[in-house]
Amino acid sequence: MSTSPQSWANRAARSAIFAALAVFAVVAGLFAGPAATANAADDSCADVAVVFARGTFEGPGVGATGQSFVDALTARLPGQSVSVYGVNYPASLDFGRAVDGIADATNKIQQIAAECPDTKIVLGGYSQGAAVAGYSTSATVPAGFVLPAGLSGPMPASVASHVSAVALFGTPDNWVLNVADRSAPPIVIGDQYVGKTLQLCAVGDPICYPGGLDRSAHSSYKSNGMTVQAADFVAARLGAAAPAAPVVQAAAQVG
């Protein structure tokens, strides 16, 4: 029986997605950096608090992309204390459990806002973690979606003013979300966060780039300059001085 070009293309794209995740699991295990730690004392409020969700199969902490971003951002904030929190969730192929990360991220953000009102919060995520972070900004609950235990609804509107910037790397597009979990709603950045959100997608990344089939692109964020680009964006949102020279990127910005 013959196979249509469209059917073949769909299977090839689906294969590329899962292959990218599998390859990334190996890459992450080899190159993931240590979990980031707070620069500020545990009993004080930091000037800046980074809440970052790691990607699929990365170990607890912020993951390799998150660490690269934190390092670049910290270098742009001399004299400021930076605390770092790795969102606590499985980051496994059970994508339905990403909701654990949404609950943890939103609870942590609200805790910081309440206990340290002068702290500037930076929310970030990579791959599945970018979905977690993106969903965390949602202003509404999708129609027909039943909130699981641990979530009572979107973060209060008053919390948005405490979040200075959002940086997302390799955010899964809707087609990928549906392959991973048919019940997953689209990722819609909340209105109060859109203007301070940067979404970056490497050219050819099958998780976020239309028609992308380059498996290596999905694991390139930690070294392709995009964490530096995001750090520049976030530092500017935090009021830091602009870098001496712009970083030229050979990749795409989305969203």
C-alpha atoms as a PDB file:
ATOM      1  CA  MET A   1       0.000   0.000   0.000  1.00  0.00           C
ATOM      2  CA  SER A   2       1.409   3.424  -0.953  1.00  0.00           C
ATOM      3  CA  THR A   3       2.010   6.164   1.593  1.00  0.00           C
ATOM      4  CA  SER A   4       1.031   9.746   0.831  1.00  0.00           C
ATOM      5  CA  PRO A   5       3.700  12.459   1.078  1.00  0.00           C
ATOM      6  CA  GLN A   6       1.667  14.223   3.765  1.00  0.00           C
ATOM      7  CA  SER A   7       1.400  11.057   5.870  1.00  0.00           C
ATOM      8  CA  TRP A   8       5.115  10.448   5.504  1.00  0.00           C
ATOM      9  CA  ALA A   9       5.868  14.033   6.485  1.00  0.00           C
ATOM     10  CA  ASN A  10       3.694  13.801   9.579  1.00  0.00           C
ATOM     11  CA  ARG A  11       5.397  10.612  10.699  1.00  0.00           C
ATOM     12  CA  ALA A  12       8.814  12.083  10.021  1.00  0.00           C
ATOM     13  CA  ALA A  13       8.021  15.211  12.005  1.00  0.00           C
ATOM     14  CA  ARG A  14       6.622  13.187  14.914  1.00  0.00           C
ATOM     15  CA  SER A  15       9.726  10.999  14.874  1.00  0.00           C
ATOM     16  CA  ALA A  16      11.917  14.089  14.910  1.00  0.00           C
ATOM     17  CA  ILE A  17      10.110  15.461  17.967  1.00  0.00           C
ATOM     18  CA  PHE A  18      10.574  12.351  20.054  1.00  0.00           C
ATOM     19  CA  ALA A  19      14.089  11.859  18.746  1.00  0.00           C
ATOM     20  CA  ALA A  20      14.895  15.413  19.789  1.00  0.00           C
ATOM     21  CA  LEU A  21      13.640  14.694  23.292  1.00  0.00           C
ATOM     22  CA  ALA A  22      15.608  11.464  23.465  1.00  0.00           C
ATOM     23  CA  VAL A  23      18.795  13.083  22.184  1.00  0.00           C
ATOM     24  CA  PHE A  24      18.319  15.953  24.580  1.00  0.00           C
ATOM     25  CA  ALA A  25      18.041  13.523  27.484  1.00  0.00           C
ATOM     26  CA  VAL A  26      21.533  12.241  26.681  1.00  0.00           C
ATOM     27  CA  VAL A  27      22.945  15.707  26.072  1.00  0.00           C
ATOM     28  CA  ALA A  28      21.451  17.075  29.275  1.00  0.00           C
ATOM     29  CA  GLY A  29      22.944  14.239  31.276  1.00  0.00           C
ATOM     30  CA  LEU A  30      26.390  14.928  29.856  1.00  0.00           C
ATOM     31  CA  PHE A  31      26.456  18.704  29.992  1.00  0.00           C
ATOM     32  CA  ALA A  32      23.934  19.893  32.558  1.00  0.00           C
ATOM     33  CA  GLY A  33      25.522  22.218  35.059  1.00  0.00           C
ATOM     34  CA  PRO A  34      25.042  22.069  38.842  1.00  0.00           C
ATOM     35  CA  ALA A  35      21.837  23.411  40.302  1.00  0.00           C
ATOM     36  CA  ALA A  36      22.059  27.169  40.745  1.00  0.00           C
ATOM     37  CA  THR A  37      22.194  28.497  44.276  1.00  0.00           C
ATOM     38  CA  ALA A  38      21.114  31.798  45.757  1.00  0.00           C
ATOM     39  CA  ASN A  39      23.677  34.577  45.932  1.00  0.00           C
ATOM     40  CA  ALA A  40      21.728  36.275  48.667  1.00  0.00           C
ATOM     41  CA  ALA A  41      21.550  34.961  52.209  1.00  0.00           C
ATOM     42  CA  ASP A  42      18.642  32.595  52.800  1.00  0.00           C
ATOM     43  CA  ASP A  43      17.158  34.874  55.460  1.00  0.00           C
ATOM     44  CA  SER A  44      17.074  38.010  53.287  1.00  0.00           C
ATOM     45  CA  CYS A  45      15.241  39.158  50.200  1.00  0.00           C
ATOM     46  CA  ALA A  46      17.332  39.226  47.056  1.00  0.00           C
ATOM     47  CA  ASP A  47      17.288  42.146  44.645  1.00  0.00           C
ATOM     48  CA  VAL A  48      16.331  39.728  41.849  1.00  0.00           C
ATOM     49  CA  ALA A  49      14.719  36.283  42.090  1.00  0.00           C
ATOM     50  CA  VAL A  50      14.879  33.900  39.137  1.00  0.00           C
ATOM     51  CA  VAL A  51      12.236  31.161  39.009  1.00  0.00           C
ATOM     52  CA  PHE A  52      13.187  28.749  36.219  1.00  0.00           C
ATOM     53  CA  ALA A  53      11.646  25.462  35.004  1.00  0.00           C
ATOM     54  CA  ARG A  54      14.059  22.931  33.494  1.00  0.00           C
ATOM     55  CA  GLY A  55      13.470  20.825  30.397  1.00  0.00           C
ATOM     56  CA  THR A  56      12.466  17.192  29.967  1.00  0.00           C
ATOM     57  CA  PHE A  57      14.803  14.657  31.616  1.00  0.00           C
ATOM     58  CA  GLU A  58      17.043  17.292  33.212  1.00  0.00           C
ATOM     59  CA  GLY A  59      17.862  16.675  36.859  1.00  0.00           C
ATOM     60  CA  PRO A  60      16.480  18.785  39.728  1.00  0.00           C
ATOM     61  CA  GLY A  61      17.502  22.424  39.595  1.00  0.00           C
ATOM     62  CA  VAL A  62      17.363  24.820  36.670  1.00  0.00           C
ATOM     63  CA  GLY A  63      19.055  22.604  34.067  1.00  0.00           C
ATOM     64  CA  ALA A  64      21.823  23.447  31.619  1.00  0.00           C
ATOM     65  CA  THR A  65      19.929  26.141  29.688  1.00  0.00           C
ATOM     66  CA  GLY A  66      18.673  27.674  32.920  1.00  0.00           C
ATOM     67  CA  GLN A  67      22.169  27.728  34.400  1.00  0.00           C
ATOM     68  CA  SER A  68      23.585  29.377  31.274  1.00  0.00           C
ATOM     69  CA  PHE A  69      20.843  32.019  31.456  1.00  0.00           C
ATOM     70  CA  VAL A  70      21.373  32.628  35.183  1.00  0.00           C
ATOM     71  CA  ASP A  71      25.133  32.984  34.715  1.00  0.00           C
ATOM     72  CA  ALA A  72      24.676  35.491  31.875  1.00  0.00           C
ATOM     73  CA  LEU A  73      22.061  37.474  33.790  1.00  0.00           C
ATOM     74  CA  THR A  74      24.072  37.588  37.021  1.00  0.00           C
ATOM     75  CA  ALA A  75      27.075  38.922  35.088  1.00  0.00           C
ATOM     76  CA  ARG A  76      24.880  41.815  33.921  1.00  0.00           C
ATOM     77  CA  LEU A  77      23.752  42.746  37.427  1.00  0.00           C
ATOM     78  CA  PRO A  78      26.943  43.683  39.290  1.00  0.00           C
ATOM     79  CA  GLY A  79      26.342  44.608  42.898  1.00  0.00           C
ATOM     80  CA  GLN A  80      22.878  43.021  42.954  1.00  0.00           C
ATOM     81  CA  SER A  81      21.957  39.853  44.798  1.00  0.00           C
ATOM     82  CA  VAL A  82      20.292  37.155  42.695  1.00  0.00           C
ATOM     83  CA  SER A  83      18.419  34.193  44.177  1.00  0.00           C
ATOM     84  CA  VAL A  84      17.592  31.223  41.967  1.00  0.00           C
ATOM     85  CA  TYR A  85      14.781  28.682  42.315  1.00  0.00           C
ATOM     86  CA  GLY A  86      14.448  25.556  40.193  1.00  0.00           C
ATOM     87  CA  VAL A  87      10.773  24.727  39.719  1.00  0.00           C
ATOM     88  CA  ASN A  88       9.950  21.411  41.372  1.00  0.00           C
ATOM     89  CA  TYR A  89       8.216  19.032  38.947  1.00  0.00           C
ATOM     90  CA  PRO A  90       9.007  15.659  37.301  1.00  0.00           C
ATOM     91  CA  ALA A  91      10.105  17.008  33.873  1.00  0.00           C
ATOM     92  CA  SER A  92       9.374  13.563  32.435  1.00  0.00           C
ATOM     93  CA  LEU A  93       7.559  12.217  29.389  1.00  0.00           C
ATOM     94  CA  ASP A  94       4.391  12.221  31.496  1.00  0.00           C
ATOM     95  CA  PHE A  95       3.563  15.712  30.238  1.00  0.00           C
ATOM     96  CA  GLY A  96       0.350  15.787  32.243  1.00  0.00           C
ATOM     97  CA  ARG A  97       2.536  16.198  35.327  1.00  0.00           C
ATOM     98  CA  ALA A  98       3.712  19.573  34.031  1.00  0.00           C
ATOM     99  CA  VAL A  99       0.789  20.897  36.041  1.00  0.00           C
ATOM    100  CA  ASP A 100       2.853  20.115  39.155  1.00  0.00           C
ATOM    101  CA  GLY A 101       5.376  22.628  37.886  1.00  0.00           C
ATOM    102  CA  ILE A 102       2.715  25.244  37.190  1.00  0.00           C
ATOM    103  CA  ALA A 103       1.449  24.908  40.759  1.00  0.00           C
ATOM    104  CA  ASP A 104       4.979  25.079  42.191  1.00  0.00           C
ATOM    105  CA  ALA A 105       6.054  28.035  40.038  1.00  0.00           C
ATOM    106  CA  THR A 106       2.962  30.118  40.720  1.00  0.00           C
ATOM    107  CA  ASN A 107       3.079  29.349  44.442  1.00  0.00           C
ATOM    108  CA  LYS A 108       6.755  30.352  44.599  1.00  0.00           C
ATOM    109  CA  ILE A 109       6.144  33.574  42.678  1.00  0.00           C
ATOM    110  CA  GLN A 110       3.264  34.521  44.959  1.00  0.00           C
ATOM    111  CA  GLN A 111       5.348  33.700  48.029  1.00  0.00           C
ATOM    112  CA  ILE A 112       8.195  35.940  46.883  1.00  0.00           C
ATOM    113  CA  ALA A 113       5.776  38.750  46.012  1.00  0.00           C
ATOM    114  CA  ALA A 114       4.206  38.560  49.463  1.00  0.00           C
ATOM    115  CA  GLU A 115       7.363  38.133  51.544  1.00  0.00           C
ATOM    116  CA  CYS A 116       9.747  40.253  49.452  1.00  0.00           C
ATOM    117  CA  PRO A 117       7.633  42.909  47.723  1.00  0.00           C
ATOM    118  CA  ASP A 118      10.690  44.842  46.518  1.00  0.00           C
ATOM    119  CA  THR A 119      12.296  41.813  44.868  1.00  0.00           C
ATOM    120  CA  LYS A 120      12.121  41.799  41.074  1.00  0.00           C
ATOM    121  CA  ILE A 121      11.024  38.371  39.854  1.00  0.00           C
ATOM    122  CA  VAL A 122      12.221  36.784  36.606  1.00  0.00           C
ATOM    123  CA  LEU A 123      10.287  33.765  35.328  1.00  0.00           C
ATOM    124  CA  GLY A 124      11.881  31.425  32.816  1.00  0.00           C
ATOM    125  CA  GLY A 125      11.781  27.968  31.333  1.00  0.00           C
ATOM    126  CA  TYR A 126      13.189  25.680  28.669  1.00  0.00           C
ATOM    127  CA  SER A 127      11.282  23.174  26.504  1.00  0.00           C
ATOM    128  CA  GLN A 128       8.673  21.492  28.724  1.00  0.00           C
ATOM    129  CA  GLY A 129       9.731  24.020  31.357  1.00  0.00           C
ATOM    130  CA  ALA A 130       8.910  26.843  28.940  1.00  0.00           C
ATOM    131  CA  ALA A 131       5.402  25.409  28.724  1.00  0.00           C
ATOM    132  CA  VAL A 132       5.245  25.361  32.531  1.00  0.00           C
ATOM    133  CA  ALA A 133       6.373  28.982  32.730  1.00  0.00           C
ATOM    134  CA  GLY A 134       4.095  30.070  29.900  1.00  0.00           C
ATOM    135  CA  TYR A 135       1.043  28.454  31.433  1.00  0.00           C
ATOM    136  CA  SER A 136       1.945  30.100  34.748  1.00  0.00           C
ATOM    137  CA  THR A 137       1.261  33.516  33.241  1.00  0.00           C
ATOM    138  CA  SER A 138      -2.214  32.595  31.982  1.00  0.00           C
ATOM    139  CA  ALA A 139      -4.963  35.050  32.818  1.00  0.00           C
ATOM    140  CA  THR A 140      -7.832  32.596  32.436  1.00  0.00           C
ATOM    141  CA  VAL A 141      -8.577  28.897  32.770  1.00  0.00           C
ATOM    142  CA  PRO A 142      -9.292  27.350  29.338  1.00  0.00           C
ATOM    143  CA  ALA A 143     -12.947  26.488  28.794  1.00  0.00           C
ATOM    144  CA  GLY A 144     -13.730  22.955  29.896  1.00  0.00           C
ATOM    145  CA  PHE A 145     -10.356  22.488  31.619  1.00  0.00           C
ATOM    146  CA  VAL A 146     -10.671  21.136  35.149  1.00  0.00           C
ATOM    147  CA  LEU A 147      -8.002  22.462  37.474  1.00  0.00           C
ATOM    148  CA  PRO A 148      -6.097  19.701  39.280  1.00  0.00           C
ATOM    149  CA  ALA A 149      -5.229  19.665  42.956  1.00  0.00           C
ATOM    150  CA  GLY A 150      -2.744  22.377  43.872  1.00  0.00           C
ATOM    151  CA  LEU A 151      -4.191  25.003  41.529  1.00  0.00           C
ATOM    152  CA  SER A 152      -7.084  27.302  42.368  1.00  0.00           C
ATOM    153  CA  GLY A 153      -6.852  29.460  39.254  1.00  0.00           C
ATOM    154  CA  PRO A 154      -4.567  32.025  37.579  1.00  0.00           C
ATOM    155  CA  MET A 155      -2.211  34.103  39.692  1.00  0.00           C
ATOM    156  CA  PRO A 156      -3.860  37.259  41.060  1.00  0.00           C
ATOM    157  CA  ALA A 157      -3.493  40.268  38.762  1.00  0.00           C
ATOM    158  CA  SER A 158      -1.649  42.089  41.544  1.00  0.00           C
ATOM    159  CA  VAL A 159       1.240  39.627  41.288  1.00  0.00           C
ATOM    160  CA  ALA A 160       2.067  40.611  37.709  1.00  0.00           C
ATOM    161  CA  SER A 161       3.698  43.874  38.771  1.00  0.00           C
ATOM    162  CA  HIS A 162       6.263  41.873  40.776  1.00  0.00           C
ATOM    163  CA  VAL A 163       7.342  39.886  37.697  1.00  0.00           C
ATOM    164  CA  SER A 164       9.755  42.044  35.729  1.00  0.00           C
ATOM    165  CA  ALA A 165      10.453  39.678  32.847  1.00  0.00           C
ATOM    166  CA  VAL A 166       9.730  36.250  31.381  1.00  0.00           C
ATOM    167  CA  ALA A 167      12.281  34.352  29.251  1.00  0.00           C
ATOM    168  CA  LEU A 168      11.246  31.201  27.387  1.00  0.00           C
ATOM    169  CA  PHE A 169      13.471  28.911  25.324  1.00  0.00           C
ATOM    170  CA  GLY A 170      12.137  26.343  22.857  1.00  0.00           C
ATOM    171  CA  THR A 171       8.490  26.675  23.867  1.00  0.00           C
ATOM    172  CA  PRO A 172       6.500  23.695  22.484  1.00  0.00           C
ATOM    173  CA  ASP A 173       4.120  24.726  19.726  1.00  0.00           C
ATOM    174  CA  ASN A 174       0.483  23.616  19.736  1.00  0.00           C
ATOM    175  CA  TRP A 175       1.072  20.630  17.439  1.00  0.00           C
ATOM    176  CA  VAL A 176       3.807  19.300  19.718  1.00  0.00           C
ATOM    177  CA  LEU A 177       1.610  19.836  22.771  1.00  0.00           C
ATOM    178  CA  ASN A 178      -1.160  17.799  21.188  1.00  0.00           C
ATOM    179  CA  VAL A 179       1.237  14.968  20.353  1.00  0.00           C
ATOM    180  CA  ALA A 180       2.561  14.940  23.920  1.00  0.00           C
ATOM    181  CA  ASP A 181      -0.819  15.339  25.636  1.00  0.00           C
ATOM    182  CA  ARG A 182      -4.078  15.605  23.701  1.00  0.00           C
ATOM    183  CA  SER A 183      -5.715  17.398  26.635  1.00  0.00           C
ATOM    184  CA  ALA A 184      -3.069  20.140  26.764  1.00  0.00           C
ATOM    185  CA  PRO A 185      -4.532  23.606  26.100  1.00  0.00           C
ATOM    186  CA  PRO A 186      -2.632  26.140  23.960  1.00  0.00           C
ATOM    187  CA  ILE A 187       0.024  28.191  25.728  1.00  0.00           C
ATOM    188  CA  VAL A 188      -1.287  31.744  25.913  1.00  0.00           C
ATOM    189  CA  ILE A 189       0.866  34.344  27.662  1.00  0.00           C
ATOM    190  CA  GLY A 190      -1.332  36.454  29.933  1.00  0.00           C
ATOM    191  CA  ASP A 191      -2.057  40.041  28.870  1.00  0.00           C
ATOM    192  CA  GLN A 192      -0.122  41.466  31.827  1.00  0.00           C
ATOM    193  CA  TYR A 193       2.994  39.506  30.853  1.00  0.00           C
ATOM    194  CA  VAL A 194       3.041  39.768  27.049  1.00  0.00           C
ATOM    195  CA  GLY A 195       5.013  43.018  26.940  1.00  0.00           C
ATOM    196  CA  LYS A 196       7.741  41.655  29.208  1.00  0.00           C
ATOM    197  CA  THR A 197       8.069  38.189  27.679  1.00  0.00           C
ATOM    198  CA  LEU A 198      10.787  37.040  25.279  1.00  0.00           C
ATOM    199  CA  GLN A 199      10.340  33.706  23.509  1.00  0.00           C
ATOM    200  CA  LEU A 200      13.335  32.316  21.650  1.00  0.00           C
ATOM    201  CA  CYS A 201      13.333  29.416  19.199  1.00  0.00           C
ATOM    202  CA  ALA A 202      16.449  28.081  17.474  1.00  0.00           C
ATOM    203  CA  VAL A 203      16.129  27.670  13.729  1.00  0.00           C
ATOM    204  CA  GLY A 204      15.158  24.085  12.921  1.00  0.00           C
ATOM    205  CA  ASP A 205      14.160  23.156  16.483  1.00  0.00           C
ATOM    206  CA  PRO A 206      11.391  20.554  15.963  1.00  0.00           C
ATOM    207  CA  ILE A 207       9.752  21.518  19.260  1.00  0.00           C
ATOM    208  CA  CYS A 208       9.062  25.151  18.382  1.00  0.00           C
ATOM    209  CA  TYR A 209      10.181  25.974  14.815  1.00  0.00           C
ATOM    210  CA  PRO A 210       7.597  25.393  12.036  1.00  0.00           C
ATOM    211  CA  GLY A 211       8.751  22.410  10.007  1.00  0.00           C
ATOM    212  CA  GLY A 212      11.917  22.092  12.053  1.00  0.00           C
ATOM    213  CA  LEU A 213      13.745  18.753  11.842  1.00  0.00           C
ATOM    214  CA  ASP A 214      17.143  19.626  13.364  1.00  0.00           C
ATOM    215  CA  ARG A 215      17.411  17.526  16.505  1.00  0.00           C
ATOM    216  CA  SER A 216      20.539  19.304  17.718  1.00  0.00           C
ATOM    217  CA  ALA A 217      18.839  22.696  17.596  1.00  0.00           C
ATOM    218  CA  HIS A 218      16.639  21.836  20.571  1.00  0.00           C
ATOM    219  CA  SER A 219      19.630  21.284  22.831  1.00  0.00           C
ATOM    220  CA  SER A 220      21.600  24.281  21.537  1.00  0.00           C
ATOM    221  CA  TYR A 221      20.177  27.069  23.692  1.00  0.00           C
ATOM    222  CA  LYS A 222      22.801  26.836  26.411  1.00  0.00           C
ATOM    223  CA  SER A 223      25.559  27.514  23.880  1.00  0.00           C
ATOM    224  CA  ASN A 224      24.031  29.231  20.810  1.00  0.00           C
ATOM    225  CA  GLY A 225      24.007  32.718  22.341  1.00  0.00           C
ATOM    226  CA  MET A 226      20.297  32.817  23.081  1.00  0.00           C
ATOM    227  CA  THR A 227      20.722  32.712  26.859  1.00  0.00           C
ATOM    228  CA  VAL A 228      22.920  35.788  26.473  1.00  0.00           C
ATOM    229  CA  GLN A 229      20.281  37.443  24.298  1.00  0.00           C
ATOM    230  CA  ALA A 230      17.650  36.672  26.929  1.00  0.00           C
ATOM    231  CA  ALA A 231      19.905  37.951  29.710  1.00  0.00           C
ATOM    232  CA  ASP A 232      20.315  41.248  27.851  1.00  0.00           C
ATOM    233  CA  PHE A 233      16.536  41.525  27.461  1.00  0.00           C
ATOM    234  CA  VAL A 234      15.876  40.751  31.123  1.00  0.00           C
ATOM    235  CA  ALA A 235      18.672  43.000  32.396  1.00  0.00           C
ATOM    236  CA  ALA A 236      17.196  45.886  30.404  1.00  0.00           C
ATOM    237  CA  ARG A 237      13.789  45.163  31.950  1.00  0.00           C
ATOM    238  CA  LEU A 238      15.482  45.305  35.348  1.00  0.00           C
ATOM    239  CA  GLY A 239      17.008  48.679  34.564  1.00  0.00           C
ATOM    240  CA  ALA A 240      20.600  47.512  34.078  1.00  0.00           C
ATOM    241  CA  ALA A 241      22.911  49.259  31.634  1.00  0.00           C
ATOM    242  CA  ALA A 242      22.896  47.987  28.047  1.00  0.00           C
ATOM    243  CA  PRO A 243      25.807  45.691  27.025  1.00  0.00           C
ATOM    244  CA  ALA A 244      28.803  47.283  25.334  1.00  0.00           C
ATOM    245  CA  ALA A 245      28.003  45.627  22.004  1.00  0.00           C
ATOM    246  CA  PRO A 246      24.931  43.792  20.709  1.00  0.00           C
ATOM    247  CA  VAL A 247      25.040  40.025  20.321  1.00  0.00           C
ATOM    248  CA  VAL A 248      24.299  38.881  16.778  1.00  0.00           C
ATOM    249  CA  GLN A 249      22.110  35.778  16.686  1.00  0.00           C
ATOM    250  CA  ALA A 250      21.642  33.300  13.853  1.00  0.00           C
ATOM    251  CA  ALA A 251      18.271  32.157  15.169  1.00  0.00           C
ATOM    252  CA  ALA A 252      14.634  33.130  15.434  1.00  0.00           C
ATOM    253  CA  GLN A 253      12.597  35.080  17.946  1.00  0.00           C
ATOM    254  CA  VAL A 254       8.984  34.042  18.263  1.00  0.00           C
ATOM    255  CA  GLY A 255       5.847  35.164  20.040  1.00  0.00           C
END
